[in-house]
Full PDB file with SEQRES, HELIX, SHEET, SSBOND, CRYST1, ORIGX, SCALE, CONECT and MASTER records, all heavy atoms in Angstrom:
SEQRES   1 A   30  ASP GLU VAL ARG LYS LYS LEU ALA HIS LEU PRO VAL ASP          
SEQRES   2 A   30  GLN VAL VAL ALA LEU THR LEU GLN HIS GLY ASN LYS ALA          
SEQRES   3 A   30  LEU ALA HIS VAL                                              
HELIX    1 AA1 GLU A    2  ALA A    8  1                                   7    
HELIX    2 AA2 LYS A   25  HIS A   29  1                                   5    
CRYST1    1.000    1.000    1.000  90.00  90.00  90.00 P 1           1          
ORIGX1      1.000000  0.000000  0.000000        0.00000                         
ORIGX2      0.000000  1.000000  0.000000        0.00000                         
ORIGX3      0.000000  0.000000  1.000000        0.00000                         
SCALE1      1.000000  0.000000  0.000000        0.00000                         
SCALE2      0.000000  1.000000  0.000000        0.00000                         
SCALE3      0.000000  0.000000  1.000000        0.00000                         
ATOM      1  N   ASP A   1      -0.804  -7.077   4.678  1.00  0.00           N  
ATOM      2  CA  ASP A   1       0.138  -8.170   4.383  1.00  0.00           C  
ATOM      3  C   ASP A   1       0.607  -8.138   2.936  1.00  0.00           C  
ATOM      4  O   ASP A   1       1.794  -8.332   2.646  1.00  0.00           O  
ATOM      5  CB  ASP A   1      -0.508  -9.538   4.681  1.00  0.00           C  
ATOM      6  CG  ASP A   1      -0.601  -9.817   6.173  1.00  0.00           C  
ATOM      7  OD1 ASP A   1       0.207  -9.236   6.933  1.00  0.00           O  
ATOM      8  OD2 ASP A   1      -1.492 -10.598   6.570  1.00  0.00           O  
ATOM      9  N   GLU A   2      -0.327  -7.870   1.998  1.00  0.00           N  
ATOM     10  CA  GLU A   2       0.041  -7.792   0.581  1.00  0.00           C  
ATOM     11  C   GLU A   2       1.022  -6.647   0.339  1.00  0.00           C  
ATOM     12  O   GLU A   2       2.013  -6.805  -0.367  1.00  0.00           O  
ATOM     13  CB  GLU A   2      -1.204  -7.604  -0.282  1.00  0.00           C  
ATOM     14  CG  GLU A   2      -2.133  -8.808  -0.308  1.00  0.00           C  
ATOM     15  CD  GLU A   2      -3.484  -8.496  -0.950  1.00  0.00           C  
ATOM     16  OE1 GLU A   2      -3.846  -7.310  -1.102  1.00  0.00           O  
ATOM     17  OE2 GLU A   2      -4.184  -9.463  -1.303  1.00  0.00           O  
ATOM     18  N   VAL A   3       0.738  -5.504   0.933  1.00  0.00           N  
ATOM     19  CA  VAL A   3       1.604  -4.344   0.753  1.00  0.00           C  
ATOM     20  C   VAL A   3       2.969  -4.608   1.365  1.00  0.00           C  
ATOM     21  O   VAL A   3       3.999  -4.273   0.771  1.00  0.00           O  
ATOM     22  CB  VAL A   3       0.949  -3.075   1.353  1.00  0.00           C  
ATOM     23  CG1 VAL A   3       1.931  -1.915   1.392  1.00  0.00           C  
ATOM     24  CG2 VAL A   3      -0.297  -2.699   0.560  1.00  0.00           C  
ATOM     25  N   ARG A   4       2.994  -5.198   2.544  1.00  0.00           N  
ATOM     26  CA  ARG A   4       4.265  -5.516   3.212  1.00  0.00           C  
ATOM     27  C   ARG A   4       5.137  -6.400   2.314  1.00  0.00           C  
ATOM     28  O   ARG A   4       6.330  -6.154   2.145  1.00  0.00           O  
ATOM     29  CB  ARG A   4       3.983  -6.210   4.547  1.00  0.00           C  
ATOM     30  CG  ARG A   4       5.177  -6.316   5.463  1.00  0.00           C  
ATOM     31  CD  ARG A   4       4.827  -6.931   6.818  1.00  0.00           C  
ATOM     32  NE  ARG A   4       3.849  -6.133   7.548  1.00  0.00           N  
ATOM     33  CZ  ARG A   4       2.583  -6.496   7.799  1.00  0.00           C  
ATOM     34  NH1 ARG A   4       2.131  -7.668   7.386  1.00  0.00           N  
ATOM     35  NH2 ARG A   4       1.768  -5.723   8.467  1.00  0.00           N  
ATOM     36  N   LYS A   5       4.545  -7.397   1.697  1.00  0.00           N  
ATOM     37  CA  LYS A   5       5.297  -8.302   0.822  1.00  0.00           C  
ATOM     38  C   LYS A   5       5.819  -7.572  -0.419  1.00  0.00           C  
ATOM     39  O   LYS A   5       6.958  -7.771  -0.838  1.00  0.00           O  
ATOM     40  CB  LYS A   5       4.424  -9.483   0.402  1.00  0.00           C  
ATOM     41  CG  LYS A   5       4.146 -10.461   1.516  1.00  0.00           C  
ATOM     42  CD  LYS A   5       3.171 -11.547   1.084  1.00  0.00           C  
ATOM     43  CE  LYS A   5       2.777 -12.407   2.265  1.00  0.00           C  
ATOM     44  NZ  LYS A   5       1.717 -13.359   1.914  1.00  0.00           N  
ATOM     45  N   LYS A   6       4.976  -6.703  -0.994  1.00  0.00           N  
ATOM     46  CA  LYS A   6       5.391  -5.948  -2.184  1.00  0.00           C  
ATOM     47  C   LYS A   6       6.515  -4.973  -1.840  1.00  0.00           C  
ATOM     48  O   LYS A   6       7.462  -4.804  -2.604  1.00  0.00           O  
ATOM     49  CB  LYS A   6       4.200  -5.195  -2.776  1.00  0.00           C  
ATOM     50  CG  LYS A   6       3.135  -6.098  -3.383  1.00  0.00           C  
ATOM     51  CD  LYS A   6       1.925  -5.292  -3.825  1.00  0.00           C  
ATOM     52  CE  LYS A   6       0.809  -6.189  -4.318  1.00  0.00           C  
ATOM     53  NZ  LYS A   6      -0.406  -5.422  -4.701  1.00  0.00           N  
ATOM     54  N   LEU A   7       6.411  -4.313  -0.682  1.00  0.00           N  
ATOM     55  CA  LEU A   7       7.424  -3.342  -0.284  1.00  0.00           C  
ATOM     56  C   LEU A   7       8.772  -4.006  -0.019  1.00  0.00           C  
ATOM     57  O   LEU A   7       9.816  -3.386  -0.226  1.00  0.00           O  
ATOM     58  CB  LEU A   7       6.978  -2.571   0.968  1.00  0.00           C  
ATOM     59  CG  LEU A   7       5.851  -1.571   0.777  1.00  0.00           C  
ATOM     60  CD1 LEU A   7       5.446  -0.969   2.123  1.00  0.00           C  
ATOM     61  CD2 LEU A   7       6.257  -0.477  -0.187  1.00  0.00           C  
ATOM     62  N   ALA A   8       8.745  -5.247   0.424  1.00  0.00           N  
ATOM     63  CA  ALA A   8       9.995  -5.946   0.731  1.00  0.00           C  
ATOM     64  C   ALA A   8      10.874  -6.099  -0.502  1.00  0.00           C  
ATOM     65  O   ALA A   8      12.093  -6.234  -0.382  1.00  0.00           O  
ATOM     66  CB  ALA A   8       9.679  -7.316   1.335  1.00  0.00           C  
ATOM     67  N   HIS A   9      10.280  -6.046  -1.682  1.00  0.00           N  
ATOM     68  CA  HIS A   9      11.028  -6.264  -2.923  1.00  0.00           C  
ATOM     69  C   HIS A   9      11.326  -4.971  -3.679  1.00  0.00           C  
ATOM     70  O   HIS A   9      11.918  -5.009  -4.752  1.00  0.00           O  
ATOM     71  CB  HIS A   9      10.253  -7.223  -3.840  1.00  0.00           C  
ATOM     72  CG  HIS A   9       9.989  -8.546  -3.205  1.00  0.00           C  
ATOM     73  ND1 HIS A   9      10.977  -9.472  -2.953  1.00  0.00           N  
ATOM     74  CD2 HIS A   9       8.843  -9.094  -2.730  1.00  0.00           C  
ATOM     75  CE1 HIS A   9      10.459 -10.536  -2.367  1.00  0.00           C  
ATOM     76  NE2 HIS A   9       9.153 -10.330  -2.211  1.00  0.00           N  
ATOM     77  N   LEU A  10      10.935  -3.826  -3.134  1.00  0.00           N  
ATOM     78  CA  LEU A  10      11.139  -2.566  -3.844  1.00  0.00           C  
ATOM     79  C   LEU A  10      12.429  -1.879  -3.394  1.00  0.00           C  
ATOM     80  O   LEU A  10      12.670  -1.746  -2.202  1.00  0.00           O  
ATOM     81  CB  LEU A  10       9.966  -1.611  -3.605  1.00  0.00           C  
ATOM     82  CG  LEU A  10       8.631  -2.017  -4.210  1.00  0.00           C  
ATOM     83  CD1 LEU A  10       7.559  -0.997  -3.838  1.00  0.00           C  
ATOM     84  CD2 LEU A  10       8.722  -2.141  -5.722  1.00  0.00           C  
ATOM     85  N   PRO A  11      13.244  -1.436  -4.342  1.00  0.00           N  
ATOM     86  CA  PRO A  11      14.476  -0.707  -4.005  1.00  0.00           C  
ATOM     87  C   PRO A  11      14.198   0.791  -3.835  1.00  0.00           C  
ATOM     88  O   PRO A  11      14.531   1.597  -4.692  1.00  0.00           O  
ATOM     89  CB  PRO A  11      15.373  -0.971  -5.215  1.00  0.00           C  
ATOM     90  CG  PRO A  11      14.404  -1.075  -6.353  1.00  0.00           C  
ATOM     91  CD  PRO A  11      13.160  -1.700  -5.779  1.00  0.00           C  
ATOM     92  N   VAL A  12      13.538   1.165  -2.728  1.00  0.00           N  
ATOM     93  CA  VAL A  12      13.181   2.560  -2.510  1.00  0.00           C  
ATOM     94  C   VAL A  12      13.778   3.058  -1.198  1.00  0.00           C  
ATOM     95  O   VAL A  12      14.075   2.281  -0.301  1.00  0.00           O  
ATOM     96  CB  VAL A  12      11.647   2.753  -2.495  1.00  0.00           C  
ATOM     97  CG1 VAL A  12      11.047   2.410  -3.845  1.00  0.00           C  
ATOM     98  CG2 VAL A  12      10.998   1.927  -1.404  1.00  0.00           C  
ATOM     99  N   ASP A  13      13.924   4.391  -1.120  1.00  0.00           N  
ATOM    100  CA  ASP A  13      14.476   5.005   0.084  1.00  0.00           C  
ATOM    101  C   ASP A  13      13.396   5.378   1.092  1.00  0.00           C  
ATOM    102  O   ASP A  13      13.626   5.357   2.294  1.00  0.00           O  
ATOM    103  CB  ASP A  13      15.256   6.274  -0.279  1.00  0.00           C  
ATOM    104  CG  ASP A  13      16.469   5.966  -1.142  1.00  0.00           C  
ATOM    105  OD1 ASP A  13      17.068   4.897  -0.959  1.00  0.00           O  
ATOM    106  OD2 ASP A  13      16.795   6.806  -1.999  1.00  0.00           O  
ATOM    107  N   GLN A  14      12.226   5.789   0.601  1.00  0.00           N  
ATOM    108  CA  GLN A  14      11.160   6.263   1.476  1.00  0.00           C  
ATOM    109  C   GLN A  14       9.825   5.657   1.061  1.00  0.00           C  
ATOM    110  O   GLN A  14       9.608   5.359  -0.106  1.00  0.00           O  
ATOM    111  CB  GLN A  14      11.039   7.790   1.395  1.00  0.00           C  
ATOM    112  CG  GLN A  14      12.264   8.541   1.877  1.00  0.00           C  
ATOM    113  CD  GLN A  14      12.457   8.393   3.369  1.00  0.00           C  
ATOM    114  OE1 GLN A  14      11.514   8.543   4.142  1.00  0.00           O  
ATOM    115  NE2 GLN A  14      13.680   8.104   3.782  1.00  0.00           N  
ATOM    116  N   VAL A  15       8.928   5.522   2.050  1.00  0.00           N  
ATOM    117  CA  VAL A  15       7.586   5.002   1.801  1.00  0.00           C  
ATOM    118  C   VAL A  15       6.596   5.911   2.519  1.00  0.00           C  
ATOM    119  O   VAL A  15       6.826   6.310   3.659  1.00  0.00           O  
ATOM    120  CB  VAL A  15       7.432   3.558   2.339  1.00  0.00           C  
ATOM    121  CG1 VAL A  15       5.998   3.081   2.208  1.00  0.00           C  
ATOM    122  CG2 VAL A  15       8.379   2.627   1.624  1.00  0.00           C  
ATOM    123  N   VAL A  16       5.504   6.249   1.840  1.00  0.00           N  
ATOM    124  CA  VAL A  16       4.399   6.991   2.437  1.00  0.00           C  
ATOM    125  C   VAL A  16       3.191   6.072   2.376  1.00  0.00           C  
ATOM    126  O   VAL A  16       2.882   5.521   1.320  1.00  0.00           O  
ATOM    127  CB  VAL A  16       4.120   8.301   1.657  1.00  0.00           C  
ATOM    128  CG1 VAL A  16       2.894   9.003   2.215  1.00  0.00           C  
ATOM    129  CG2 VAL A  16       5.339   9.197   1.683  1.00  0.00           C  
ATOM    130  N   ALA A  17       2.511   5.898   3.498  1.00  0.00           N  
ATOM    131  CA  ALA A  17       1.377   4.973   3.535  1.00  0.00           C  
ATOM    132  C   ALA A  17       0.083   5.720   3.817  1.00  0.00           C  
ATOM    133  O   ALA A  17       0.044   6.620   4.654  1.00  0.00           O  
ATOM    134  CB  ALA A  17       1.604   3.913   4.601  1.00  0.00           C  
ATOM    135  N   LEU A  18      -0.960   5.376   3.102  1.00  0.00           N  
ATOM    136  CA  LEU A  18      -2.316   5.843   3.371  1.00  0.00           C  
ATOM    137  C   LEU A  18      -3.134   4.624   3.756  1.00  0.00           C  
ATOM    138  O   LEU A  18      -3.056   3.589   3.091  1.00  0.00           O  
ATOM    139  CB  LEU A  18      -2.939   6.486   2.130  1.00  0.00           C  
ATOM    140  CG  LEU A  18      -2.284   7.748   1.600  1.00  0.00           C  
ATOM    141  CD1 LEU A  18      -2.922   8.143   0.278  1.00  0.00           C  
ATOM    142  CD2 LEU A  18      -2.408   8.868   2.596  1.00  0.00           C  
ATOM    143  N   THR A  19      -3.905   4.730   4.797  1.00  0.00           N  
ATOM    144  CA  THR A  19      -4.743   3.596   5.192  1.00  0.00           C  
ATOM    145  C   THR A  19      -6.208   3.964   5.012  1.00  0.00           C  
ATOM    146  O   THR A  19      -6.592   5.127   5.162  1.00  0.00           O  
ATOM    147  CB  THR A  19      -4.488   3.205   6.662  1.00  0.00           C  
ATOM    148  OG1 THR A  19      -4.801   4.313   7.497  1.00  0.00           O  
ATOM    149  CG2 THR A  19      -3.031   2.806   6.855  1.00  0.00           C  
ATOM    150  N   LEU A  20      -7.004   2.983   4.671  1.00  0.00           N  
ATOM    151  CA  LEU A  20      -8.447   3.175   4.500  1.00  0.00           C  
ATOM    152  C   LEU A  20      -9.167   2.260   5.479  1.00  0.00           C  
ATOM    153  O   LEU A  20      -9.096   1.038   5.359  1.00  0.00           O  
ATOM    154  CB  LEU A  20      -8.872   2.837   3.067  1.00  0.00           C  
ATOM    155  CG  LEU A  20      -8.238   3.673   1.958  1.00  0.00           C  
ATOM    156  CD1 LEU A  20      -8.665   3.153   0.599  1.00  0.00           C  
ATOM    157  CD2 LEU A  20      -8.615   5.134   2.115  1.00  0.00           C  
ATOM    158  N   GLN A  21      -9.852   2.861   6.428  1.00  0.00           N  
ATOM    159  CA  GLN A  21     -10.571   2.099   7.444  1.00  0.00           C  
ATOM    160  C   GLN A  21     -11.710   1.295   6.818  1.00  0.00           C  
ATOM    161  O   GLN A  21     -11.877   0.129   7.079  1.00  0.00           O  
ATOM    162  CB  GLN A  21     -11.124   3.048   8.508  1.00  0.00           C  
ATOM    163  CG  GLN A  21     -11.831   2.369   9.649  1.00  0.00           C  
ATOM    164  CD  GLN A  21     -10.882   2.029  10.774  1.00  0.00           C  
ATOM    165  OE1 GLN A  21      -9.800   2.567  10.843  1.00  0.00           O  
ATOM    166  NE2 GLN A  21     -11.288   1.132  11.641  1.00  0.00           N  
ATOM    167  N   HIS A  22     -12.493   1.957   5.954  1.00  0.00           N  
ATOM    168  CA  HIS A  22     -13.680   1.296   5.387  1.00  0.00           C  
ATOM    169  C   HIS A  22     -13.687   1.389   3.874  1.00  0.00           C  
ATOM    170  O   HIS A  22     -14.731   1.609   3.267  1.00  0.00           O  
ATOM    171  CB  HIS A  22     -14.959   1.943   5.941  1.00  0.00           C  
ATOM    172  CG  HIS A  22     -15.060   1.890   7.431  1.00  0.00           C  
ATOM    173  ND1 HIS A  22     -15.251   0.717   8.117  1.00  0.00           N  
ATOM    174  CD2 HIS A  22     -14.944   2.859   8.367  1.00  0.00           C  
ATOM    175  CE1 HIS A  22     -15.275   0.967   9.409  1.00  0.00           C  
ATOM    176  NE2 HIS A  22     -15.086   2.270   9.591  1.00  0.00           N  
ATOM    177  N   GLY A  23     -12.561   1.229   3.250  1.00  0.00           N  
ATOM    178  CA  GLY A  23     -12.488   1.355   1.802  1.00  0.00           C  
ATOM    179  C   GLY A  23     -12.507   0.008   1.112  1.00  0.00           C  
ATOM    180  O   GLY A  23     -12.214  -1.015   1.714  1.00  0.00           O  
ATOM    181  N   ASN A  24     -12.839   0.040  -0.161  1.00  0.00           N  
ATOM    182  CA  ASN A  24     -12.783  -1.184  -0.956  1.00  0.00           C  
ATOM    183  C   ASN A  24     -11.649  -1.039  -1.972  1.00  0.00           C  
ATOM    184  O   ASN A  24     -11.002  -0.003  -2.064  1.00  0.00           O  
ATOM    185  CB  ASN A  24     -14.130  -1.459  -1.630  1.00  0.00           C  
ATOM    186  CG  ASN A  24     -14.570  -0.301  -2.508  1.00  0.00           C  
ATOM    187  OD1 ASN A  24     -13.750   0.358  -3.132  1.00  0.00           O  
ATOM    188  ND2 ASN A  24     -15.862  -0.053  -2.555  1.00  0.00           N  
ATOM    189  N   LYS A  25     -11.400  -2.074  -2.763  1.00  0.00           N  
ATOM    190  CA  LYS A  25     -10.294  -2.052  -3.728  1.00  0.00           C  
ATOM    191  C   LYS A  25     -10.458  -0.947  -4.765  1.00  0.00           C  
ATOM    192  O   LYS A  25      -9.493  -0.287  -5.134  1.00  0.00           O  
ATOM    193  CB  LYS A  25     -10.163  -3.408  -4.423  1.00  0.00           C  
ATOM    194  CG  LYS A  25      -9.501  -4.453  -3.587  1.00  0.00           C  
ATOM    195  CD  LYS A  25      -9.236  -5.705  -4.399  1.00  0.00           C  
ATOM    196  CE  LYS A  25      -8.511  -6.717  -3.532  1.00  0.00           C  
ATOM    197  NZ  LYS A  25      -8.068  -7.871  -4.296  1.00  0.00           N  
ATOM    198  N   ALA A  26     -11.674  -0.738  -5.237  1.00  0.00           N  
ATOM    199  CA  ALA A  26     -11.898   0.294  -6.252  1.00  0.00           C  
ATOM    200  C   ALA A  26     -11.557   1.672  -5.690  1.00  0.00           C  
ATOM    201  O   ALA A  26     -10.878   2.467  -6.345  1.00  0.00           O  
ATOM    202  CB  ALA A  26     -13.353   0.256  -6.733  1.00  0.00           C  
ATOM    203  N   LEU A  27     -11.999   1.960  -4.482  1.00  0.00           N  
ATOM    204  CA  LEU A  27     -11.702   3.239  -3.844  1.00  0.00           C  
ATOM    205  C   LEU A  27     -10.198   3.386  -3.626  1.00  0.00           C  
ATOM    206  O   LEU A  27      -9.628   4.455  -3.863  1.00  0.00           O  
ATOM    207  CB  LEU A  27     -12.442   3.355  -2.505  1.00  0.00           C  
ATOM    208  CG  LEU A  27     -12.125   4.592  -1.660  1.00  0.00           C  
ATOM    209  CD1 LEU A  27     -12.487   5.867  -2.413  1.00  0.00           C  
ATOM    210  CD2 LEU A  27     -12.845   4.523  -0.327  1.00  0.00           C  
ATOM    211  N   ALA A  28      -9.550   2.330  -3.208  1.00  0.00           N  
ATOM    212  CA  ALA A  28      -8.105   2.365  -2.977  1.00  0.00           C  
ATOM    213  C   ALA A  28      -7.362   2.704  -4.265  1.00  0.00           C  
ATOM    214  O   ALA A  28      -6.428   3.520  -4.252  1.00  0.00           O  
ATOM    215  CB  ALA A  28      -7.624   1.027  -2.421  1.00  0.00           C  
ATOM    216  N   HIS A  29      -7.763   2.117  -5.375  1.00  0.00           N  
ATOM    217  CA  HIS A  29      -7.097   2.379  -6.653  1.00  0.00           C  
ATOM    218  C   HIS A  29      -7.345   3.811  -7.140  1.00  0.00           C  
ATOM    219  O   HIS A  29      -6.429   4.446  -7.672  1.00  0.00           O  
ATOM    220  CB  HIS A  29      -7.520   1.357  -7.709  1.00  0.00           C  
ATOM    221  CG  HIS A  29      -6.865   0.027  -7.525  1.00  0.00           C  
ATOM    222  ND1 HIS A  29      -5.555  -0.204  -7.879  1.00  0.00           N  
ATOM    223  CD2 HIS A  29      -7.322  -1.130  -6.990  1.00  0.00           C  
ATOM    224  CE1 HIS A  29      -5.238  -1.450  -7.585  1.00  0.00           C  
ATOM    225  NE2 HIS A  29      -6.295  -2.041  -7.038  1.00  0.00           N  
ATOM    226  N   VAL A  30      -8.556   4.326  -6.949  1.00  0.00           N  
ATOM    227  CA  VAL A  30      -8.853   5.699  -7.350  1.00  0.00           C  
ATOM    228  C   VAL A  30      -8.019   6.669  -6.521  1.00  0.00           C  
ATOM    229  O   VAL A  30      -7.401   7.603  -7.054  1.00  0.00           O  
ATOM    230  CB  VAL A  30     -10.371   6.004  -7.197  1.00  0.00           C  
ATOM    231  CG1 VAL A  30     -10.641   7.492  -7.342  1.00  0.00           C  
ATOM    232  CG2 VAL A  30     -11.174   5.205  -8.216  1.00  0.00           C  
TER     233      VAL A  30                                                      
MASTER        0    0    0    2    0    0    0    6  232    1    0    3          
END                                                                             
């Protein structure tokens, strides 16, 4: 939901998404 809201405001042509089944915020940022 957070990513969806952030993407709605970005002027970009393409998006690549990575999902983490069992990740935490620190792992996501790394």
